[in-house]
Amino acid sequence: MAEVTIQQVAKAAGVSPSTVSNLLNGRAHRMLPETRLRVENTIERLGYRPNRAARQLRTGRTQTIGLVVPSVGNPFWGSFARQLESAALAEGYHVLLCNSERDPDRERRYIEELWSDGIRGIVLCSSLPSLEHVAPIMQRGLHLVAFDRAAQADDPDTLVSISIDNAVGSQLATAHLTDLGHRRLAFVSGALGSVNRKDRYRGFAAALEQAGLSSESAILWPGASDWRFGDVESAELGRNAAHELLTGGDPPTGIVAINDMCALGICRGIRDVGLEVGTDVSVVGFDDIVLADLYDPPLTTVRQPMADMAAAAIAELKTRVEAGEPTPGRSLLLRPELVVRSSTAPPRR
């Protein structure tokens, strides 16, 4: 069966080919609502599919969004990639995934390659403090959404930032432990070199202050220098942290982890040293990955509204890519939610 052409759609809808092209290329504001509906119905009835290769040759861009994550070794990023792809497909876009391990040079190379392939919109998830390594390509017209990274004072003017309030999330997690009566707490992370991790530690410290506890009464465990961010090794990092924290003097009774995989590693480490999660030591994670509810005991954690954030990222990129011109940036900060499960309880007296 021969493919339906744009000319056939135009003839069946009683419009010109340029009118159909306007609709397909996001310029529907140039036509009457009834005309748009008639063309859309004709496209659906005839089963017309735009020729992507021809469109890329004509416009210099492709119907693909780039996604650069730290590593899908953390299930959070795999889940986010699925949510982003679902939102993109609903808008007629596809997603190309890259793992950067928060390496600025690697990110820059990936983004340059995506740009060369005609991709004009990218979601970047590394949350690094500086975007200097991608600023030159943004000046050439790249539309960038920084995910899980609050806006910074020196960000490019066209940057879109979409994140939960990481400080509030960590504050909720820590306050939950202090409300239960915990007074000796630990914060376990990899390197604190990213914006989101610094914000999470800031929320931890703020909750301590709110509870009348000094920062000296708590433990910051960032891992050894060779752990770097620990995105791939989060569970192992957490397990090592639990061994070290719980076999020394004055161990914590409550632990806040940088993410759920780290928290699950901490839970394993607690059992390794002969203690019980939620009985001897309480643990709070961050992200609410699917494994959090499946673990025994189920993990108390901070939930990110992942589907809403993915949809917002695609909506922002679609608007900007199809406008085809620089657009002022904006910042969207969503509120996280504490999900209380069985990994937390009052401390043993």
C-alpha atoms as a PDB file:
ATOM      1  CA  MET A   1       0.000   0.000   0.000  1.00  0.00           C
ATOM      2  CA  ALA A   2       1.409   3.371  -1.081  1.00  0.00           C
ATOM      3  CA  GLU A   3       2.170   5.938   1.597  1.00  0.00           C
ATOM      4  CA  VAL A   4      -0.254   8.828   1.945  1.00  0.00           C
ATOM      5  CA  THR A   5       1.273  12.146   0.847  1.00  0.00           C
ATOM      6  CA  ILE A   6       0.815  15.611   2.265  1.00  0.00           C
ATOM      7  CA  GLN A   7      -0.787  16.597  -1.053  1.00  0.00           C
ATOM      8  CA  GLN A   8      -3.425  13.872  -0.665  1.00  0.00           C
ATOM      9  CA  VAL A   9      -4.199  15.047   2.868  1.00  0.00           C
ATOM     10  CA  ALA A  10      -4.550  18.626   1.639  1.00  0.00           C
ATOM     11  CA  LYS A  11      -6.881  17.617  -1.202  1.00  0.00           C
ATOM     12  CA  ALA A  12      -9.083  15.476   1.072  1.00  0.00           C
ATOM     13  CA  ALA A  13      -9.312  18.246   3.667  1.00  0.00           C
ATOM     14  CA  GLY A  14      -9.929  20.968   1.108  1.00  0.00           C
ATOM     15  CA  VAL A  15      -6.881  23.013   2.060  1.00  0.00           C
ATOM     16  CA  SER A  16      -3.486  23.797   0.587  1.00  0.00           C
ATOM     17  CA  PRO A  17      -0.395  21.635   1.306  1.00  0.00           C
ATOM     18  CA  SER A  18       1.119  24.605   3.156  1.00  0.00           C
ATOM     19  CA  THR A  19      -1.830  24.586   5.568  1.00  0.00           C
ATOM     20  CA  VAL A  20      -1.189  20.918   6.380  1.00  0.00           C
ATOM     21  CA  SER A  21       2.512  21.721   6.769  1.00  0.00           C
ATOM     22  CA  ASN A  22       1.702  24.544   9.197  1.00  0.00           C
ATOM     23  CA  LEU A  23      -0.215  22.123  11.406  1.00  0.00           C
ATOM     24  CA  LEU A  24       2.502  19.471  11.304  1.00  0.00           C
ATOM     25  CA  ASN A  25       5.203  21.999  12.178  1.00  0.00           C
ATOM     26  CA  GLY A  26       3.466  23.573  15.166  1.00  0.00           C
ATOM     27  CA  ARG A  27       2.100  26.647  13.391  1.00  0.00           C
ATOM     28  CA  ALA A  28      -1.591  25.909  13.946  1.00  0.00           C
ATOM     29  CA  HIS A  29      -2.139  29.447  15.242  1.00  0.00           C
ATOM     30  CA  ARG A  30      -2.165  30.531  11.600  1.00  0.00           C
ATOM     31  CA  MET A  31      -5.457  28.730  10.856  1.00  0.00           C
ATOM     32  CA  LEU A  32      -9.052  28.784  12.056  1.00  0.00           C
ATOM     33  CA  PRO A  33      -9.989  26.198  14.732  1.00  0.00           C
ATOM     34  CA  GLU A  34     -12.452  24.487  12.385  1.00  0.00           C
ATOM     35  CA  THR A  35      -9.750  24.221   9.700  1.00  0.00           C
ATOM     36  CA  ARG A  36      -7.327  22.701  12.168  1.00  0.00           C
ATOM     37  CA  LEU A  37      -9.909  20.133  13.282  1.00  0.00           C
ATOM     38  CA  ARG A  38     -10.711  19.200   9.684  1.00  0.00           C
ATOM     39  CA  VAL A  39      -7.046  18.671   8.828  1.00  0.00           C
ATOM     40  CA  GLU A  40      -6.407  16.663  12.010  1.00  0.00           C
ATOM     41  CA  ASN A  41      -9.392  14.416  11.286  1.00  0.00           C
ATOM     42  CA  THR A  42      -8.208  13.903   7.703  1.00  0.00           C
ATOM     43  CA  ILE A  43      -4.686  12.993   8.845  1.00  0.00           C
ATOM     44  CA  GLU A  44      -6.126  10.411  11.240  1.00  0.00           C
ATOM     45  CA  ARG A  45      -8.618   9.020   8.686  1.00  0.00           C
ATOM     46  CA  LEU A  46      -6.016   8.611   5.935  1.00  0.00           C
ATOM     47  CA  GLY A  47      -3.300   7.368   8.297  1.00  0.00           C
ATOM     48  CA  TYR A  48      -0.795   9.986   7.134  1.00  0.00           C
ATOM     49  CA  ARG A  49       2.698   9.778   8.658  1.00  0.00           C
ATOM     50  CA  PRO A  50       5.125  12.683   8.134  1.00  0.00           C
ATOM     51  CA  ASN A  51       8.428  11.820   6.462  1.00  0.00           C
ATOM     52  CA  ARG A  52      10.929  12.461   9.258  1.00  0.00           C
ATOM     53  CA  ALA A  53      13.975  12.446   7.004  1.00  0.00           C
ATOM     54  CA  ALA A  54      12.435  15.038   4.688  1.00  0.00           C
ATOM     55  CA  ARG A  55      11.382  17.165   7.605  1.00  0.00           C
ATOM     56  CA  GLN A  56      14.888  17.122   9.054  1.00  0.00           C
ATOM     57  CA  LEU A  57      16.383  18.161   5.710  1.00  0.00           C
ATOM     58  CA  ARG A  58      13.877  21.002   5.494  1.00  0.00           C
ATOM     59  CA  THR A  59      14.091  22.294   9.069  1.00  0.00           C
ATOM     60  CA  GLY A  60      17.579  21.183  10.150  1.00  0.00           C
ATOM     61  CA  ARG A  61      16.134  19.425  13.201  1.00  0.00           C
ATOM     62  CA  THR A  62      14.626  16.078  14.085  1.00  0.00           C
ATOM     63  CA  GLN A  63      11.604  15.010  16.146  1.00  0.00           C
ATOM     64  CA  THR A  64      13.923  13.662  18.825  1.00  0.00           C
ATOM     65  CA  ILE A  65      14.720  14.869  22.331  1.00  0.00           C
ATOM     66  CA  GLY A  66      18.083  14.135  23.938  1.00  0.00           C
ATOM     67  CA  LEU A  67      18.218  12.870  27.522  1.00  0.00           C
ATOM     68  CA  VAL A  68      21.521  12.907  29.419  1.00  0.00           C
ATOM     69  CA  VAL A  69      21.391  11.174  32.816  1.00  0.00           C
ATOM     70  CA  PRO A  70      24.134  10.344  35.338  1.00  0.00           C
ATOM     71  CA  SER A  71      23.609   6.578  34.974  1.00  0.00           C
ATOM     72  CA  VAL A  72      20.697   4.186  34.518  1.00  0.00           C
ATOM     73  CA  GLY A  73      22.618   2.027  37.002  1.00  0.00           C
ATOM     74  CA  ASN A  74      20.384   3.925  39.449  1.00  0.00           C
ATOM     75  CA  PRO A  75      16.801   2.723  38.781  1.00  0.00           C
ATOM     76  CA  PHE A  76      15.513   6.250  39.387  1.00  0.00           C
ATOM     77  CA  TRP A  77      17.030   7.361  36.100  1.00  0.00           C
ATOM     78  CA  GLY A  78      15.675   4.361  34.230  1.00  0.00           C
ATOM     79  CA  SER A  79      12.193   5.183  35.530  1.00  0.00           C
ATOM     80  CA  PHE A  80      12.584   8.841  34.645  1.00  0.00           C
ATOM     81  CA  ALA A  81      13.723   7.925  31.119  1.00  0.00           C
ATOM     82  CA  ARG A  82      10.566   5.821  30.699  1.00  0.00           C
ATOM     83  CA  GLN A  83       8.341   8.650  31.947  1.00  0.00           C
ATOM     84  CA  LEU A  84      10.066  11.176  29.701  1.00  0.00           C
ATOM     85  CA  GLU A  85       9.760   8.884  26.683  1.00  0.00           C
ATOM     86  CA  SER A  86       6.056   8.392  27.367  1.00  0.00           C
ATOM     87  CA  ALA A  87       5.487  12.153  27.557  1.00  0.00           C
ATOM     88  CA  ALA A  88       7.592  12.716  24.418  1.00  0.00           C
ATOM     89  CA  LEU A  89       5.766  10.074  22.366  1.00  0.00           C
ATOM     90  CA  ALA A  90       2.451  11.705  23.241  1.00  0.00           C
ATOM     91  CA  GLU A  91       3.784  14.894  21.611  1.00  0.00           C
ATOM     92  CA  GLY A  92       5.224  13.147  18.536  1.00  0.00           C
ATOM     93  CA  TYR A  93       8.836  13.071  19.747  1.00  0.00           C
ATOM     94  CA  HIS A  94      11.305  10.275  20.453  1.00  0.00           C
ATOM     95  CA  VAL A  95      14.035  10.187  23.108  1.00  0.00           C
ATOM     96  CA  LEU A  96      17.725   9.368  22.716  1.00  0.00           C
ATOM     97  CA  LEU A  97      19.411   8.391  26.005  1.00  0.00           C
ATOM     98  CA  CYS A  98      23.018   9.064  27.088  1.00  0.00           C
ATOM     99  CA  ASN A  99      24.786   8.222  30.386  1.00  0.00           C
ATOM    100  CA  SER A 100      27.315  10.872  31.419  1.00  0.00           C
ATOM    101  CA  GLU A 101      28.321   9.843  34.982  1.00  0.00           C
ATOM    102  CA  ARG A 102      28.336  13.616  35.675  1.00  0.00           C
ATOM    103  CA  ASP A 103      31.514  14.086  33.630  1.00  0.00           C
ATOM    104  CA  PRO A 104      31.395  17.587  32.045  1.00  0.00           C
ATOM    105  CA  ASP A 105      33.622  16.615  29.098  1.00  0.00           C
ATOM    106  CA  ARG A 106      31.513  13.555  28.377  1.00  0.00           C
ATOM    107  CA  GLU A 107      28.339  15.625  28.578  1.00  0.00           C
ATOM    108  CA  ARG A 108      29.741  18.227  26.208  1.00  0.00           C
ATOM    109  CA  ARG A 109      30.712  15.568  23.649  1.00  0.00           C
ATOM    110  CA  TYR A 110      27.316  13.889  23.824  1.00  0.00           C
ATOM    111  CA  ILE A 111      25.495  17.194  23.443  1.00  0.00           C
ATOM    112  CA  GLU A 112      27.674  18.252  20.517  1.00  0.00           C
ATOM    113  CA  GLU A 113      26.885  14.945  18.782  1.00  0.00           C
ATOM    114  CA  LEU A 114      23.161  15.307  19.457  1.00  0.00           C
ATOM    115  CA  TRP A 115      23.272  18.835  18.045  1.00  0.00           C
ATOM    116  CA  SER A 116      25.081  17.595  14.931  1.00  0.00           C
ATOM    117  CA  ASP A 117      22.292  15.049  14.443  1.00  0.00           C
ATOM    118  CA  GLY A 118      19.684  17.818  14.342  1.00  0.00           C
ATOM    119  CA  ILE A 119      18.482  17.476  17.945  1.00  0.00           C
ATOM    120  CA  ARG A 120      17.609  20.916  19.306  1.00  0.00           C
ATOM    121  CA  GLY A 121      16.118  20.055  22.709  1.00  0.00           C
ATOM    122  CA  ILE A 122      17.914  18.214  25.530  1.00  0.00           C
ATOM    123  CA  VAL A 123      17.095  17.319  29.140  1.00  0.00           C
ATOM    124  CA  LEU A 124      20.285  17.352  31.223  1.00  0.00           C
ATOM    125  CA  CYS A 125      20.156  15.608  34.605  1.00  0.00           C
ATOM    126  CA  SER A 126      23.650  15.846  36.083  1.00  0.00           C
ATOM    127  CA  SER A 127      22.840  18.806  38.391  1.00  0.00           C
ATOM    128  CA  LEU A 128      26.406  20.112  38.179  1.00  0.00           C
ATOM    129  CA  PRO A 129      26.874  23.597  39.701  1.00  0.00           C
ATOM    130  CA  SER A 130      28.219  25.140  36.475  1.00  0.00           C
ATOM    131  CA  LEU A 131      26.847  24.772  32.957  1.00  0.00           C
ATOM    132  CA  GLU A 132      29.844  26.509  31.428  1.00  0.00           C
ATOM    133  CA  HIS A 133      30.659  23.374  29.417  1.00  0.00           C
ATOM    134  CA  VAL A 134      27.330  23.546  27.521  1.00  0.00           C
ATOM    135  CA  ALA A 135      26.841  27.337  27.413  1.00  0.00           C
ATOM    136  CA  PRO A 136      28.520  27.779  23.971  1.00  0.00           C
ATOM    137  CA  ILE A 137      26.130  25.355  22.273  1.00  0.00           C
ATOM    138  CA  MET A 138      23.160  26.986  24.013  1.00  0.00           C
ATOM    139  CA  GLN A 139      24.306  30.243  22.432  1.00  0.00           C
ATOM    140  CA  ARG A 140      24.019  28.514  19.039  1.00  0.00           C
ATOM    141  CA  GLY A 141      20.362  27.751  19.711  1.00  0.00           C
ATOM    142  CA  LEU A 142      20.196  24.582  21.837  1.00  0.00           C
ATOM    143  CA  HIS A 143      17.164  24.453  24.125  1.00  0.00           C
ATOM    144  CA  LEU A 144      18.159  22.911  27.451  1.00  0.00           C
ATOM    145  CA  VAL A 145      16.132  21.748  30.440  1.00  0.00           C
ATOM    146  CA  ALA A 146      18.161  21.187  33.606  1.00  0.00           C
ATOM    147  CA  PHE A 147      16.358  18.482  35.575  1.00  0.00           C
ATOM    148  CA  ASP A 148      16.663  17.955  39.350  1.00  0.00           C
ATOM    149  CA  ARG A 149      18.690  21.143  39.615  1.00  0.00           C
ATOM    150  CA  ALA A 150      17.392  24.376  41.110  1.00  0.00           C
ATOM    151  CA  ALA A 151      18.186  27.526  39.134  1.00  0.00           C
ATOM    152  CA  GLN A 152      21.551  29.165  39.844  1.00  0.00           C
ATOM    153  CA  ALA A 153      22.475  32.840  39.638  1.00  0.00           C
ATOM    154  CA  ASP A 154      24.956  32.408  36.768  1.00  0.00           C
ATOM    155  CA  ASP A 155      22.783  30.116  34.594  1.00  0.00           C
ATOM    156  CA  PRO A 156      22.303  30.976  30.888  1.00  0.00           C
ATOM    157  CA  ASP A 157      19.301  33.236  30.280  1.00  0.00           C
ATOM    158  CA  THR A 158      17.463  30.637  28.204  1.00  0.00           C
ATOM    159  CA  LEU A 159      17.860  27.717  30.622  1.00  0.00           C
ATOM    160  CA  VAL A 160      14.763  25.967  31.954  1.00  0.00           C
ATOM    161  CA  SER A 161      15.170  24.420  35.422  1.00  0.00           C
ATOM    162  CA  ILE A 162      12.712  21.754  36.598  1.00  0.00           C
ATOM    163  CA  SER A 163      13.210  20.207  40.015  1.00  0.00           C
ATOM    164  CA  ILE A 164      11.627  19.344  43.276  1.00  0.00           C
ATOM    165  CA  ASP A 165      12.703  21.436  46.236  1.00  0.00           C
ATOM    166  CA  ASN A 166      15.499  19.097  47.323  1.00  0.00           C
ATOM    167  CA  ALA A 167      16.162  21.021  50.530  1.00  0.00           C
ATOM    168  CA  VAL A 168      12.513  20.693  51.559  1.00  0.00           C
ATOM    169  CA  GLY A 169      12.573  16.979  50.717  1.00  0.00           C
ATOM    170  CA  SER A 170      15.585  16.301  52.895  1.00  0.00           C
ATOM    171  CA  GLN A 171      14.159  18.490  55.631  1.00  0.00           C
ATOM    172  CA  LEU A 172      10.971  16.408  55.613  1.00  0.00           C
ATOM    173  CA  ALA A 173      13.020  13.192  55.847  1.00  0.00           C
ATOM    174  CA  THR A 174      15.161  14.461  58.712  1.00  0.00           C
ATOM    175  CA  ALA A 175      12.280  16.042  60.636  1.00  0.00           C
ATOM    176  CA  HIS A 176      10.470  12.717  60.451  1.00  0.00           C
ATOM    177  CA  LEU A 177      13.370  11.115  62.331  1.00  0.00           C
ATOM    178  CA  THR A 178      13.683  13.875  64.927  1.00  0.00           C
ATOM    179  CA  ASP A 179       9.908  13.815  65.485  1.00  0.00           C
ATOM    180  CA  LEU A 180      10.232  10.100  66.236  1.00  0.00           C
ATOM    181  CA  GLY A 181      12.800  10.982  68.918  1.00  0.00           C
ATOM    182  CA  HIS A 182      16.111  10.353  67.133  1.00  0.00           C
ATOM    183  CA  ARG A 183      18.925  12.624  68.290  1.00  0.00           C
ATOM    184  CA  ARG A 184      22.015  10.983  66.801  1.00  0.00           C
ATOM    185  CA  LEU A 185      21.647  11.181  63.001  1.00  0.00           C
ATOM    186  CA  ALA A 186      23.840  10.583  59.969  1.00  0.00           C
ATOM    187  CA  PHE A 187      23.634  11.855  56.393  1.00  0.00           C
ATOM    188  CA  VAL A 188      25.118   9.409  53.867  1.00  0.00           C
ATOM    189  CA  SER A 189      26.003  10.467  50.319  1.00  0.00           C
ATOM    190  CA  GLY A 190      28.640  10.331  47.655  1.00  0.00           C
ATOM    191  CA  ALA A 191      30.422  13.564  46.793  1.00  0.00           C
ATOM    192  CA  LEU A 192      28.355  16.682  47.547  1.00  0.00           C
ATOM    193  CA  GLY A 193      29.476  18.392  44.344  1.00  0.00           C
ATOM    194  CA  SER A 194      26.076  18.632  42.631  1.00  0.00           C
ATOM    195  CA  VAL A 195      23.379  21.259  43.215  1.00  0.00           C
ATOM    196  CA  ASN A 196      20.726  18.729  44.253  1.00  0.00           C
ATOM    197  CA  ARG A 197      23.022  16.977  46.743  1.00  0.00           C
ATOM    198  CA  LYS A 198      24.097  20.246  48.344  1.00  0.00           C
ATOM    199  CA  ASP A 199      20.436  21.202  48.672  1.00  0.00           C
ATOM    200  CA  ARG A 200      19.613  17.858  50.288  1.00  0.00           C
ATOM    201  CA  TYR A 201      22.381  18.300  52.829  1.00  0.00           C
ATOM    202  CA  ARG A 202      21.196  21.866  53.465  1.00  0.00           C
ATOM    203  CA  GLY A 203      17.725  20.531  54.245  1.00  0.00           C
ATOM    204  CA  PHE A 204      19.223  17.949  56.607  1.00  0.00           C
ATOM    205  CA  ALA A 205      21.116  20.661  58.496  1.00  0.00           C
ATOM    206  CA  ALA A 206      18.041  22.920  58.617  1.00  0.00           C
ATOM    207  CA  ALA A 207      15.945  20.151  60.172  1.00  0.00           C
ATOM    208  CA  LEU A 208      18.603  19.542  62.809  1.00  0.00           C
ATOM    209  CA  GLU A 209      18.565  23.214  63.726  1.00  0.00           C
ATOM    210  CA  GLN A 210      14.775  23.231  63.824  1.00  0.00           C
ATOM    211  CA  ALA A 211      14.880  20.308  66.261  1.00  0.00           C
ATOM    212  CA  GLY A 212      17.385  22.109  68.484  1.00  0.00           C
ATOM    213  CA  LEU A 213      20.289  19.855  67.494  1.00  0.00           C
ATOM    214  CA  SER A 214      23.714  21.121  66.537  1.00  0.00           C
ATOM    215  CA  SER A 215      25.392  20.015  63.322  1.00  0.00           C
ATOM    216  CA  GLU A 216      28.204  18.628  65.499  1.00  0.00           C
ATOM    217  CA  SER A 217      25.744  16.081  66.889  1.00  0.00           C
ATOM    218  CA  ALA A 218      25.266  14.596  63.408  1.00  0.00           C
ATOM    219  CA  ILE A 219      27.552  12.688  61.048  1.00  0.00           C
ATOM    220  CA  LEU A 220      28.195  13.541  57.407  1.00  0.00           C
ATOM    221  CA  TRP A 221      29.449  10.453  55.558  1.00  0.00           C
ATOM    222  CA  PRO A 222      30.421  11.382  51.962  1.00  0.00           C
ATOM    223  CA  GLY A 223      32.431   8.243  51.230  1.00  0.00           C
ATOM    224  CA  ALA A 224      36.057   8.069  50.172  1.00  0.00           C
ATOM    225  CA  SER A 225      37.380  10.422  47.503  1.00  0.00           C
ATOM    226  CA  ASP A 226      37.486   7.656  44.891  1.00  0.00           C
ATOM    227  CA  TRP A 227      33.701   7.163  45.195  1.00  0.00           C
ATOM    228  CA  ARG A 228      33.101  10.467  43.370  1.00  0.00           C
ATOM    229  CA  PHE A 229      29.309  10.785  43.070  1.00  0.00           C
ATOM    230  CA  GLY A 230      28.701   7.051  43.473  1.00  0.00           C
ATOM    231  CA  ASP A 231      25.824   7.033  40.964  1.00  0.00           C
ATOM    232  CA  VAL A 232      26.616   3.507  39.803  1.00  0.00           C
ATOM    233  CA  GLU A 233      27.816   2.218  43.183  1.00  0.00           C
ATOM    234  CA  SER A 234      25.141   3.817  45.408  1.00  0.00           C
ATOM    235  CA  ALA A 235      24.079   0.557  47.066  1.00  0.00           C
ATOM    236  CA  GLU A 236      27.671  -0.479  47.779  1.00  0.00           C
ATOM    237  CA  LEU A 237      28.416   3.003  49.100  1.00  0.00           C
ATOM    238  CA  GLY A 238      25.475   2.763  51.508  1.00  0.00           C
ATOM    239  CA  ARG A 239      26.477  -0.686  52.679  1.00  0.00           C
ATOM    240  CA  ASN A 240      30.041   0.463  53.394  1.00  0.00           C
ATOM    241  CA  ALA A 241      28.695   3.504  55.233  1.00  0.00           C
ATOM    242  CA  ALA A 242      26.540   1.342  57.507  1.00  0.00           C
ATOM    243  CA  HIS A 243      29.495  -0.916  58.359  1.00  0.00           C
ATOM    244  CA  GLU A 244      31.652   2.064  59.276  1.00  0.00           C
ATOM    245  CA  LEU A 245      29.013   4.076  61.131  1.00  0.00           C
ATOM    246  CA  LEU A 246      27.554   1.233  63.161  1.00  0.00           C
ATOM    247  CA  THR A 247      30.764  -0.479  64.279  1.00  0.00           C
ATOM    248  CA  GLY A 248      32.375   2.656  65.683  1.00  0.00           C
ATOM    249  CA  GLY A 249      31.686   4.570  68.863  1.00  0.00           C
ATOM    250  CA  ASP A 250      28.422   6.500  69.353  1.00  0.00           C
ATOM    251  CA  PRO A 251      26.617   5.132  66.262  1.00  0.00           C
ATOM    252  CA  PRO A 252      23.579   6.938  64.804  1.00  0.00           C
ATOM    253  CA  THR A 253      20.066   5.664  65.450  1.00  0.00           C
ATOM    254  CA  GLY A 254      18.702   7.318  62.310  1.00  0.00           C
ATOM    255  CA  ILE A 255      20.231   7.684  58.833  1.00  0.00           C
ATOM    256  CA  VAL A 256      19.174   9.913  55.933  1.00  0.00           C
ATOM    257  CA  ALA A 257      20.450   8.634  52.566  1.00  0.00           C
ATOM    258  CA  ILE A 258      21.127  10.680  49.452  1.00  0.00           C
ATOM    259  CA  ASN A 259      18.884   8.369  47.389  1.00  0.00           C
ATOM    260  CA  ASP A 260      16.960   5.105  47.640  1.00  0.00           C
ATOM    261  CA  MET A 261      19.687   2.855  46.240  1.00  0.00           C
ATOM    262  CA  CYS A 262      22.067   4.208  48.851  1.00  0.00           C
ATOM    263  CA  ALA A 263      19.386   3.671  51.509  1.00  0.00           C
ATOM    264  CA  LEU A 264      18.862   0.053  50.437  1.00  0.00           C
ATOM    265  CA  GLY A 265      22.606  -0.524  50.689  1.00  0.00           C
ATOM    266  CA  ILE A 266      22.517   0.959  54.194  1.00  0.00           C
ATOM    267  CA  CYS A 267      19.694  -1.446  55.101  1.00  0.00           C
ATOM    268  CA  ARG A 268      21.802  -4.369  53.896  1.00  0.00           C
ATOM    269  CA  GLY A 269      24.768  -3.101  55.898  1.00  0.00           C
ATOM    270  CA  ILE A 270      22.652  -2.769  59.046  1.00  0.00           C
ATOM    271  CA  ARG A 271      21.779  -6.448  58.776  1.00  0.00           C
ATOM    272  CA  ASP A 272      25.385  -7.355  58.030  1.00  0.00           C
ATOM    273  CA  VAL A 273      26.400  -6.100  61.493  1.00  0.00           C
ATOM    274  CA  GLY A 274      23.581  -7.977  63.214  1.00  0.00           C
ATOM    275  CA  LEU A 275      21.081  -5.151  63.645  1.00  0.00           C
ATOM    276  CA  GLU A 276      17.519  -4.680  62.373  1.00  0.00           C
ATOM    277  CA  VAL A 277      16.219  -1.926  60.116  1.00  0.00           C
ATOM    278  CA  GLY A 278      13.440   0.080  61.733  1.00  0.00           C
ATOM    279  CA  THR A 279      14.131  -1.469  65.125  1.00  0.00           C
ATOM    280  CA  ASP A 280      17.773  -0.719  65.898  1.00  0.00           C
ATOM    281  CA  VAL A 281      18.404   1.848  63.148  1.00  0.00           C
ATOM    282  CA  SER A 282      15.888   3.893  61.145  1.00  0.00           C
ATOM    283  CA  VAL A 283      16.609   4.698  57.484  1.00  0.00           C
ATOM    284  CA  VAL A 284      15.054   7.250  55.118  1.00  0.00           C
ATOM    285  CA  GLY A 285      15.741   7.261  51.377  1.00  0.00           C
ATOM    286  CA  PHE A 286      15.054   9.742  48.598  1.00  0.00           C
ATOM    287  CA  ASP A 287      13.251   9.242  45.217  1.00  0.00           C
ATOM    288  CA  ASP A 288      10.700   6.457  45.939  1.00  0.00           C
ATOM    289  CA  ILE A 289      11.910   4.018  43.287  1.00  0.00           C
ATOM    290  CA  VAL A 290       9.835   0.867  42.819  1.00  0.00           C
ATOM    291  CA  LEU A 291      12.257  -1.190  44.943  1.00  0.00           C
ATOM    292  CA  ALA A 292      11.557   1.047  47.957  1.00  0.00           C
ATOM    293  CA  ASP A 293       8.115  -0.462  48.529  1.00  0.00           C
ATOM    294  CA  LEU A 294       9.257  -4.010  47.679  1.00  0.00           C
ATOM    295  CA  TYR A 295      12.121  -4.139  50.193  1.00  0.00           C
ATOM    296  CA  ASP A 296      11.598  -5.783  53.590  1.00  0.00           C
ATOM    297  CA  PRO A 297      10.957  -3.688  55.550  1.00  0.00           C
ATOM    298  CA  PRO A 298       9.493  -1.212  53.026  1.00  0.00           C
ATOM    299  CA  LEU A 299      11.556   1.965  52.842  1.00  0.00           C
ATOM    300  CA  THR A 300      10.450   5.336  54.161  1.00  0.00           C
ATOM    301  CA  THR A 301      11.457   7.806  51.470  1.00  0.00           C
ATOM    302  CA  VAL A 302      10.875  11.136  49.755  1.00  0.00           C
ATOM    303  CA  ARG A 303       8.779  10.827  46.594  1.00  0.00           C
ATOM    304  CA  GLN A 304       9.433  12.930  43.514  1.00  0.00           C
ATOM    305  CA  PRO A 305       6.418  13.631  41.211  1.00  0.00           C
ATOM    306  CA  MET A 306       8.297  12.050  38.319  1.00  0.00           C
ATOM    307  CA  ALA A 307       5.489  11.903  35.753  1.00  0.00           C
ATOM    308  CA  ASP A 308       4.589  15.581  36.289  1.00  0.00           C
ATOM    309  CA  MET A 309       8.224  16.630  36.005  1.00  0.00           C
ATOM    310  CA  ALA A 310       8.756  14.606  32.818  1.00  0.00           C
ATOM    311  CA  ALA A 311       5.617  16.065  31.223  1.00  0.00           C
ATOM    312  CA  ALA A 312       6.718  19.587  32.151  1.00  0.00           C
ATOM    313  CA  ALA A 313      10.173  19.019  30.626  1.00  0.00           C
ATOM    314  CA  ILE A 314       8.707  17.827  27.316  1.00  0.00           C
ATOM    315  CA  ALA A 315       6.163  20.651  27.212  1.00  0.00           C
ATOM    316  CA  GLU A 316       8.904  23.243  27.740  1.00  0.00           C
ATOM    317  CA  LEU A 317      11.170  21.739  25.065  1.00  0.00           C
ATOM    318  CA  LYS A 318       8.368  21.263  22.528  1.00  0.00           C
ATOM    319  CA  THR A 319       7.314  24.907  22.851  1.00  0.00           C
ATOM    320  CA  ARG A 320      10.862  26.165  22.466  1.00  0.00           C
ATOM    321  CA  VAL A 321      12.010  23.815  19.704  1.00  0.00           C
ATOM    322  CA  GLU A 322       8.949  24.485  17.584  1.00  0.00           C
ATOM    323  CA  ALA A 323       9.201  28.236  18.115  1.00  0.00           C
ATOM    324  CA  GLY A 324      12.660  27.965  16.573  1.00  0.00           C
ATOM    325  CA  GLU A 325      14.046  30.986  18.386  1.00  0.00           C
ATOM    326  CA  PRO A 326      15.638  31.842  21.749  1.00  0.00           C
ATOM    327  CA  THR A 327      13.088  31.965  24.561  1.00  0.00           C
ATOM    328  CA  PRO A 328      13.603  33.329  28.095  1.00  0.00           C
ATOM    329  CA  GLY A 329      14.304  30.627  30.636  1.00  0.00           C
ATOM    330  CA  ARG A 330      12.171  29.796  33.634  1.00  0.00           C
ATOM    331  CA  SER A 331      12.360  27.798  36.842  1.00  0.00           C
ATOM    332  CA  LEU A 332       9.814  25.265  38.065  1.00  0.00           C
ATOM    333  CA  LEU A 333      10.209  23.991  41.631  1.00  0.00           C
ATOM    334  CA  LEU A 334       7.795  21.256  42.762  1.00  0.00           C
ATOM    335  CA  ARG A 335       7.180  20.097  46.310  1.00  0.00           C
ATOM    336  CA  PRO A 336       8.238  16.545  47.264  1.00  0.00           C
ATOM    337  CA  GLU A 337       6.218  14.180  49.447  1.00  0.00           C
ATOM    338  CA  LEU A 338       7.355  12.102  52.410  1.00  0.00           C
ATOM    339  CA  VAL A 339       6.187   8.478  52.182  1.00  0.00           C
ATOM    340  CA  VAL A 340       6.351   6.801  55.596  1.00  0.00           C
ATOM    341  CA  ARG A 341       6.860   3.031  55.632  1.00  0.00           C
ATOM    342  CA  SER A 342       8.367   0.507  58.045  1.00  0.00           C
ATOM    343  CA  SER A 343      12.084   1.355  57.858  1.00  0.00           C
ATOM    344  CA  THR A 344      11.615   4.106  60.452  1.00  0.00           C
ATOM    345  CA  ALA A 345      10.424   3.916  64.070  1.00  0.00           C
ATOM    346  CA  PRO A 346      11.188   5.572  67.422  1.00  0.00           C
ATOM    347  CA  PRO A 347      14.676   4.755  68.746  1.00  0.00           C
ATOM    348  CA  ARG A 348      15.129   2.015  71.300  1.00  0.00           C
ATOM    349  CA  ARG A 349      15.363   3.433  74.790  1.00  0.00           C
END
